[in-house]
C-alpha atoms as a PDB file:
ATOM      1  CA  MET A   1      99.140  83.217 123.890  1.00  0.00           C
ATOM      2  CA  GLU A   2      99.287  79.431 123.883  1.00  0.00           C
ATOM      3  CA  PRO A   3     102.693  77.858 123.112  1.00  0.00           C
ATOM      4  CA  ARG A   4     101.203  76.037 120.116  1.00  0.00           C
ATOM      5  CA  THR A   5      99.846  79.277 118.643  1.00  0.00           C
ATOM      6  CA  ALA A   6     103.104  81.115 119.302  1.00  0.00           C
ATOM      7  CA  LEU A   7     105.065  78.327 117.611  1.00  0.00           C
ATOM      8  CA  ARG A   8     102.765  78.385 114.565  1.00  0.00           C
ATOM      9  CA  ASN A   9     103.013  82.175 114.270  1.00  0.00           C
ATOM     10  CA  SER A  10     106.801  82.048 114.507  1.00  0.00           C
ATOM     11  CA  LEU A  11     106.954  79.326 111.852  1.00  0.00           C
ATOM     12  CA  VAL A  12     104.798  81.266 109.379  1.00  0.00           C
ATOM     13  CA  THR A  13     106.733  84.492 109.946  1.00  0.00           C
ATOM     14  CA  GLY A  14     110.026  82.670 109.442  1.00  0.00           C
ATOM     15  CA  LEU A  15     108.807  81.116 106.192  1.00  0.00           C
ATOM     16  CA  VAL A  16     107.738  84.509 104.853  1.00  0.00           C
ATOM     17  CA  LEU A  17     111.117  86.019 105.724  1.00  0.00           C
ATOM     18  CA  LEU A  18     113.119  83.135 104.243  1.00  0.00           C
ATOM     19  CA  ALA A  19     111.089  82.665 101.054  1.00  0.00           C
ATOM     20  CA  PRO A  20     113.045  85.217  98.947  1.00  0.00           C
ATOM     21  CA  LEU A  21     116.359  83.809 100.192  1.00  0.00           C
ATOM     22  CA  ALA A  22     115.281  80.227  99.491  1.00  0.00           C
ATOM     23  CA  VAL A  23     114.230  81.084  95.944  1.00  0.00           C
ATOM     24  CA  THR A  24     117.506  82.921  95.334  1.00  0.00           C
ATOM     25  CA  VAL A  25     119.583  79.979  96.585  1.00  0.00           C
ATOM     26  CA  PHE A  26     117.547  77.518  94.508  1.00  0.00           C
ATOM     27  CA  VAL A  27     117.942  79.554  91.321  1.00  0.00           C
ATOM     28  CA  LEU A  28     121.675  80.120  91.854  1.00  0.00           C
ATOM     29  CA  GLN A  29     122.207  76.420  92.542  1.00  0.00           C
ATOM     30  CA  PHE A  30     120.273  75.538  89.388  1.00  0.00           C
ATOM     31  CA  VAL A  31     122.303  77.937  87.220  1.00  0.00           C
ATOM     32  CA  PHE A  32     125.594  76.935  88.856  1.00  0.00           C
ATOM     33  CA  THR A  33     124.964  73.219  88.241  1.00  0.00           C
ATOM     34  CA  ARG A  34     124.022  73.760  84.596  1.00  0.00           C
ATOM     35  CA  LEU A  35     127.082  75.944  83.954  1.00  0.00           C
ATOM     36  CA  THR A  36     129.386  73.415  85.592  1.00  0.00           C
ATOM     37  CA  ARG A  37     128.043  70.628  83.379  1.00  0.00           C
ATOM     38  CA  LEU A  38     128.551  72.851  80.349  1.00  0.00           C
ATOM     39  CA  LEU A  39     132.077  73.995  81.240  1.00  0.00           C
ATOM     40  CA  ASP A  40     133.475  70.695  82.524  1.00  0.00           C
ATOM     41  CA  PRO A  41     133.869  69.097  79.043  1.00  0.00           C
ATOM     42  CA  ILE A  42     135.424  72.329  77.762  1.00  0.00           C
ATOM     43  CA  VAL A  43     137.982  72.326  80.590  1.00  0.00           C
ATOM     44  CA  GLN A  44     138.822  68.672  79.935  1.00  0.00           C
ATOM     45  CA  THR A  45     139.634  69.373  76.283  1.00  0.00           C
ATOM     46  CA  SER A  46     141.575  72.584  76.933  1.00  0.00           C
ATOM     47  CA  GLU A  47     145.164  73.235  77.986  1.00  0.00           C
ATOM     48  CA  ILE A  48     143.964  73.817  81.546  1.00  0.00           C
ATOM     49  CA  GLN A  49     143.802  70.054  81.983  1.00  0.00           C
ATOM     50  CA  ALA A  50     147.593  69.862  81.823  1.00  0.00           C
ATOM     51  CA  VAL A  51     148.085  72.154  84.843  1.00  0.00           C
ATOM     52  CA  ALA A  52     144.913  71.489  86.831  1.00  0.00           C
ATOM     53  CA  ALA A  53     144.732  68.543  89.185  1.00  0.00           C
ATOM     54  CA  ASN A  54     140.937  68.545  89.273  1.00  0.00           C
ATOM     55  CA  ASP A  55     138.996  69.425  86.132  1.00  0.00           C
ATOM     56  CA  LEU A  56     135.659  69.533  87.950  1.00  0.00           C
ATOM     57  CA  LEU A  57     136.966  71.973  90.550  1.00  0.00           C
ATOM     58  CA  VAL A  58     138.174  74.311  87.802  1.00  0.00           C
ATOM     59  CA  ALA A  59     134.794  74.118  86.068  1.00  0.00           C
ATOM     60  CA  GLN A  60     133.038  74.928  89.351  1.00  0.00           C
ATOM     61  CA  ALA A  61     135.333  77.892  89.980  1.00  0.00           C
ATOM     62  CA  LEU A  62     134.700  79.259  86.483  1.00  0.00           C
ATOM     63  CA  SER A  63     130.950  78.775  86.940  1.00  0.00           C
ATOM     64  CA  ALA A  64     130.969  80.632  90.260  1.00  0.00           C
ATOM     65  CA  LEU A  65     133.012  83.465  88.747  1.00  0.00           C
ATOM     66  CA  LEU A  66     130.648  83.702  85.790  1.00  0.00           C
ATOM     67  CA  VAL A  67     127.545  83.756  88.020  1.00  0.00           C
ATOM     68  CA  VAL A  68     128.980  86.499  90.248  1.00  0.00           C
ATOM     69  CA  SER A  69     130.011  88.526  87.199  1.00  0.00           C
ATOM     70  CA  VAL A  70     126.559  88.279  85.610  1.00  0.00           C
ATOM     71  CA  ILE A  71     124.824  89.258  88.872  1.00  0.00           C
ATOM     72  CA  THR A  72     127.133  92.253  89.272  1.00  0.00           C
ATOM     73  CA  LEU A  73     126.562  93.299  85.663  1.00  0.00           C
ATOM     74  CA  LEU A  74     122.782  93.023  86.042  1.00  0.00           C
ATOM     75  CA  GLY A  75     122.902  95.139  89.191  1.00  0.00           C
ATOM     76  CA  PHE A  76     125.039  97.744  87.432  1.00  0.00           C
ATOM     77  CA  LEU A  77     122.705  97.925  84.428  1.00  0.00           C
ATOM     78  CA  ALA A  78     119.573  98.026  86.613  1.00  0.00           C
ATOM     79  CA  GLN A  79     120.872 101.194  88.302  1.00  0.00           C
ATOM     80  CA  ARG A  80     121.352 102.954  84.993  1.00  0.00           C
ATOM     81  CA  SER A  81     118.816 104.368  82.560  1.00  0.00           C
ATOM     82  CA  GLY A  82     116.772 101.620  80.962  1.00  0.00           C
ATOM     83  CA  GLY A  83     117.197  99.437  84.032  1.00  0.00           C
ATOM     84  CA  GLU A  84     113.543  98.469  83.933  1.00  0.00           C
ATOM     85  CA  ARG A  85     114.151  96.655  80.645  1.00  0.00           C
ATOM     86  CA  VAL A  86     116.923  94.639  82.285  1.00  0.00           C
ATOM     87  CA  ILE A  87     114.600  93.658  85.124  1.00  0.00           C
ATOM     88  CA  ASP A  88     111.851  92.741  82.651  1.00  0.00           C
ATOM     89  CA  THR A  89     114.317  90.559  80.738  1.00  0.00           C
ATOM     90  CA  VAL A  90     115.317  88.738  83.932  1.00  0.00           C
ATOM     91  CA  ASP A  91     111.653  88.230  84.788  1.00  0.00           C
ATOM     92  CA  ARG A  92     110.999  86.708  81.368  1.00  0.00           C
ATOM     93  CA  LEU A  93     113.991  84.371  81.706  1.00  0.00           C
ATOM     94  CA  PHE A  94     112.789  83.087  85.080  1.00  0.00           C
ATOM     95  CA  SER A  95     109.275  82.665  83.698  1.00  0.00           C
ATOM     96  CA  LEU A  96     110.662  80.124  81.204  1.00  0.00           C
ATOM     97  CA  VAL A  97     111.977  77.791  83.935  1.00  0.00           C
ATOM     98  CA  PRO A  98     109.346  75.241  85.063  1.00  0.00           C
ATOM     99  CA  LEU A  99     108.401  75.339  88.764  1.00  0.00           C
ATOM    100  CA  VAL A 100     110.836  78.187  89.375  1.00  0.00           C
ATOM    101  CA  ASN A 101     108.580  80.580  87.488  1.00  0.00           C
ATOM    102  CA  VAL A 102     105.653  79.964  89.850  1.00  0.00           C
ATOM    103  CA  VAL A 103     107.669  80.510  93.028  1.00  0.00           C
ATOM    104  CA  TYR A 104     109.694  83.395  91.609  1.00  0.00           C
ATOM    105  CA  THR A 105     106.615  85.279  90.413  1.00  0.00           C
ATOM    106  CA  GLY A 106     104.865  84.975  93.764  1.00  0.00           C
ATOM    107  CA  VAL A 107     107.904  86.015  95.781  1.00  0.00           C
ATOM    108  CA  ARG A 108     108.645  88.882  93.397  1.00  0.00           C
ATOM    109  CA  GLN A 109     105.104  90.235  93.696  1.00  0.00           C
ATOM    110  CA  VAL A 110     105.107  90.101  97.471  1.00  0.00           C
ATOM    111  CA  SER A 111     108.586  91.620  97.618  1.00  0.00           C
ATOM    112  CA  ASP A 112     107.504  94.476  95.344  1.00  0.00           C
ATOM    113  CA  ALA A 113     104.455  95.099  97.481  1.00  0.00           C
ATOM    114  CA  LEU A 114     106.494  95.193 100.682  1.00  0.00           C
ATOM    115  CA  SER A 115     109.164  97.486  99.257  1.00  0.00           C
ATOM    116  CA  ALA A 116     106.920  99.887  97.349  1.00  0.00           C
ATOM    117  CA  GLY A 117     103.795  99.843  99.492  1.00  0.00           C
ATOM    118  CA  GLU A 118     104.735 102.882 101.571  1.00  0.00           C
ATOM    119  CA  GLY A 119     104.901 105.088  98.498  1.00  0.00           C
ATOM    120  CA  ARG A 120     102.076 103.509  96.538  1.00  0.00           C
ATOM    121  CA  TYR A 121      99.348 103.790  99.172  1.00  0.00           C
ATOM    122  CA  GLN A 122      98.328 106.898 101.078  1.00  0.00           C
ATOM    123  CA  ARG A 123      96.966 105.239 104.223  1.00  0.00           C
ATOM    124  CA  VAL A 124      95.396 102.069 105.610  1.00  0.00           C
ATOM    125  CA  VAL A 125      91.653 102.103 106.281  1.00  0.00           C
ATOM    126  CA  LEU A 126      88.820  99.747 107.112  1.00  0.00           C
ATOM    127  CA  VAL A 127      85.767  99.469 104.868  1.00  0.00           C
ATOM    128  CA  GLU A 128      82.632  97.354 105.053  1.00  0.00           C
ATOM    129  CA  TYR A 129      83.312  94.982 102.161  1.00  0.00           C
ATOM    130  CA  PRO A 130      82.114  92.727 100.545  1.00  0.00           C
ATOM    131  CA  ARG A 131      78.987  93.298 102.644  1.00  0.00           C
ATOM    132  CA  LEU A 132      77.819  95.271 105.652  1.00  0.00           C
ATOM    133  CA  ASP A 133      79.170  94.314 109.089  1.00  0.00           C
ATOM    134  CA  VAL A 134      82.266  92.719 107.495  1.00  0.00           C
ATOM    135  CA  LEU A 135      85.387  94.880 107.833  1.00  0.00           C
ATOM    136  CA  SER A 136      88.192  94.575 105.276  1.00  0.00           C
ATOM    137  CA  LEU A 137      91.618  96.172 105.227  1.00  0.00           C
ATOM    138  CA  GLY A 138      92.014  98.645 102.405  1.00  0.00           C
ATOM    139  CA  PHE A 139      94.593 101.042 100.999  1.00  0.00           C
ATOM    140  CA  VAL A 140      93.490 104.518  99.943  1.00  0.00           C
ATOM    141  CA  THR A 141      95.080 105.412  96.606  1.00  0.00           C
ATOM    142  CA  GLY A 142      93.395 108.727  95.858  1.00  0.00           C
ATOM    143  CA  ASP A 143      90.242 110.789  95.668  1.00  0.00           C
ATOM    144  CA  GLY A 144      87.268 109.388  93.795  1.00  0.00           C
ATOM    145  CA  PRO A 145      86.040 110.903  90.515  1.00  0.00           C
ATOM    146  CA  SER A 146      83.527 113.742  90.512  1.00  0.00           C
ATOM    147  CA  GLU A 147      80.953 111.461  88.874  1.00  0.00           C
ATOM    148  CA  ALA A 148      81.091 109.137  91.895  1.00  0.00           C
ATOM    149  CA  ASP A 149      80.864 112.124  94.255  1.00  0.00           C
ATOM    150  CA  ALA A 150      77.668 113.205  92.511  1.00  0.00           C
ATOM    151  CA  VAL A 151      76.088 109.765  92.841  1.00  0.00           C
ATOM    152  CA  ALA A 152      77.095 109.347  96.496  1.00  0.00           C
ATOM    153  CA  GLY A 153      76.143 112.908  97.419  1.00  0.00           C
ATOM    154  CA  GLU A 154      79.510 113.388  99.121  1.00  0.00           C
ATOM    155  CA  GLU A 155      83.234 113.033  98.481  1.00  0.00           C
ATOM    156  CA  THR A 156      84.481 109.551  97.632  1.00  0.00           C
ATOM    157  CA  GLU A 157      87.858 107.796  97.690  1.00  0.00           C
ATOM    158  CA  PHE A 158      89.566 105.073  95.686  1.00  0.00           C
ATOM    159  CA  VAL A 159      90.287 102.105  97.949  1.00  0.00           C
ATOM    160  CA  ILE A 160      92.191  98.951  97.045  1.00  0.00           C
ATOM    161  CA  VAL A 161      90.963  95.907  98.977  1.00  0.00           C
ATOM    162  CA  PRO A 162      93.883  93.462  98.579  1.00  0.00           C
ATOM    163  CA  HIS A 163      93.708  89.682  98.551  1.00  0.00           C
ATOM    164  CA  SER A 164      95.434  87.507 101.131  1.00  0.00           C
ATOM    165  CA  PRO A 165      98.073  86.044 101.114  1.00  0.00           C
ATOM    166  CA  ASN A 166      98.913  87.807  97.812  1.00  0.00           C
ATOM    167  CA  PRO A 167      98.329  91.542  98.432  1.00  0.00           C
ATOM    168  CA  THR A 168      99.425  92.467  94.908  1.00  0.00           C
ATOM    169  CA  ALA A 169      95.971  91.425  93.676  1.00  0.00           C
ATOM    170  CA  GLY A 170      92.687  92.853  94.861  1.00  0.00           C
ATOM    171  CA  GLN A 171      89.577  94.870  94.109  1.00  0.00           C
ATOM    172  CA  LEU A 172      89.421  98.587  93.347  1.00  0.00           C
ATOM    173  CA  ILE A 173      86.313 100.078  94.926  1.00  0.00           C
ATOM    174  CA  ILE A 174      84.991 103.619  95.284  1.00  0.00           C
ATOM    175  CA  VAL A 175      83.810 104.344  98.821  1.00  0.00           C
ATOM    176  CA  PRO A 176      82.034 107.415 100.245  1.00  0.00           C
ATOM    177  CA  SER A 177      84.384 109.161 102.670  1.00  0.00           C
ATOM    178  CA  SER A 178      81.888 108.747 105.516  1.00  0.00           C
ATOM    179  CA  ASN A 179      82.159 104.960 105.144  1.00  0.00           C
ATOM    180  CA  VAL A 180      85.958 104.940 105.273  1.00  0.00           C
ATOM    181  CA  HIS A 181      87.152 104.167 108.813  1.00  0.00           C
ATOM    182  CA  GLU A 182      90.606 105.571 109.558  1.00  0.00           C
ATOM    183  CA  THR A 183      93.268 103.517 111.369  1.00  0.00           C
ATOM    184  CA  ASP A 184      96.754 104.030 112.762  1.00  0.00           C
ATOM    185  CA  ILE A 185      97.977 100.851 111.062  1.00  0.00           C
ATOM    186  CA  SER A 186     101.095 101.363 108.951  1.00  0.00           C
ATOM    187  CA  VAL A 187     101.200 100.138 105.363  1.00  0.00           C
ATOM    188  CA  ARG A 188     104.007  97.714 106.206  1.00  0.00           C
ATOM    189  CA  ARG A 189     102.092  96.201 109.105  1.00  0.00           C
ATOM    190  CA  ALA A 190      98.956  95.860 106.974  1.00  0.00           C
ATOM    191  CA  LEU A 191     100.944  94.070 104.273  1.00  0.00           C
ATOM    192  CA  ARG A 192     102.418  91.754 106.895  1.00  0.00           C
ATOM    193  CA  LEU A 193      98.908  90.949 108.099  1.00  0.00           C
ATOM    194  CA  LEU A 194      97.835  90.101 104.568  1.00  0.00           C
ATOM    195  CA  VAL A 195     100.902  88.045 103.623  1.00  0.00           C
ATOM    196  CA  THR A 196     100.732  85.952 106.808  1.00  0.00           C
ATOM    197  CA  THR A 197      96.897  85.771 106.731  1.00  0.00           C
ATOM    198  CA  GLY A 198      96.861  87.337 110.178  1.00  0.00           C
ATOM    199  CA  VAL A 199      98.577  84.486 112.021  1.00  0.00           C
ATOM    200  CA  ALA A 200     101.707  86.566 112.648  1.00  0.00           C
ATOM    201  CA  GLU A 201      99.728  88.985 114.798  1.00  0.00           C
ATOM    202  CA  SER A 202      99.885  88.545 118.534  1.00  0.00           C
ATOM    203  CA  GLU A 203      96.738  88.617 120.632  1.00  0.00           C
ATOM    204  CA  ASP A 204      97.722  92.023 122.029  1.00  0.00           C
ATOM    205  CA  GLU A 205      98.016  93.449 118.519  1.00  0.00           C
ATOM    206  CA  LEU A 206      94.645  92.015 117.515  1.00  0.00           C
ATOM    207  CA  VAL A 207      93.038  93.584 120.589  1.00  0.00           C
ATOM    208  CA  GLU A 208      94.686  96.862 119.647  1.00  0.00           C
ATOM    209  CA  LEU A 209      93.325  96.552 116.102  1.00  0.00           C
ATOM    210  CA  GLN A 210      89.825  95.878 117.421  1.00  0.00           C
ATOM    211  CA  GLY A 211      90.110  98.912 119.687  1.00  0.00           C
ATOM    212  CA  GLU A 212      91.091 101.082 116.736  1.00  0.00           C
ATOM    213  CA  VAL A 213      87.959 100.000 114.892  1.00  0.00           C
ATOM    214  CA  GLU A 214      85.694 100.620 117.864  1.00  0.00           C
ATOM    215  CA  ASP A 215      87.216 104.045 118.543  1.00  0.00           C
ATOM    216  CA  ARG A 216      86.595 105.122 114.959  1.00  0.00           C
ATOM    217  CA  THR A 217      83.096 103.697 114.587  1.00  0.00           C
ATOM    218  CA  PRO A 218      80.609 106.566 114.925  1.00  0.00           C
ATOM    219  CA  HIS A 219      78.379 106.278 117.968  1.00  0.00           C
ATOM    220  CA  VAL A 220      74.696 106.931 117.290  1.00  0.00           C
ATOM    221  CA  ASP A 221      72.473 107.801 120.243  1.00  0.00           C
ATOM    222  CA  PRO A 222      69.144 105.996 120.341  1.00  0.00           C
ATOM    223  CA  VAL A 223      66.179 107.983 119.078  1.00  0.00           C
ATOM    224  CA  ALA A 224      63.988 109.213 121.884  1.00  0.00           C
ATOM    225  CA  THR A 225      60.420 107.900 121.984  1.00  0.00           C
ATOM    226  CA  ASP A 226      57.245 109.389 123.393  1.00  0.00           C
ATOM    227  CA  ASP A 227      57.486 107.050 126.409  1.00  0.00           C
ATOM    228  CA  ASP A 228      60.856 108.544 127.535  1.00  0.00           C
END
């Protein structure tokens, strides 16, 4: 692999890994700054001013303590019954903050896909979509309905063909089982491919992926003619 390609792949992978952390730091800094501005006038007019040498430092300490307490409380409530409502409330609050809502929503969707993908999808396959001779990564989610089996004349399967770089969106298609090409690709690796638009894959891994496709593509012998 060329040094330039390796550097680009490393950069993209690093950005994907750091995105959730960067959003978290940005949001915490935003909340911390707003709380400090709110608490500083209160500290200046309270009795704390008489014993504190630095009003701003006290306001910052109170803000940090309040932020940590709220985060701990949210984590505690999320682990209890009804925790989904707490998470939904947090999502709605972040959706009200300009700019933050766009980044937070995208990172949250990708994070959910990476954490829940192993249980949500049965296996990773390759299907010819959106047209013949074009292979797309897909996730099998279950068996197709009997009505589709009757039309296809064989068993069918539900396959999600996710979008890239946002694998939480995609198309649900029903594919005859004979047109579903099995792979040994893990769900996590497939999601990584989608999130990084393939640039995080090394050349060796891409060759391996191509070999998997070729090994699983049925070989059809040529039809004999009268001249043979």
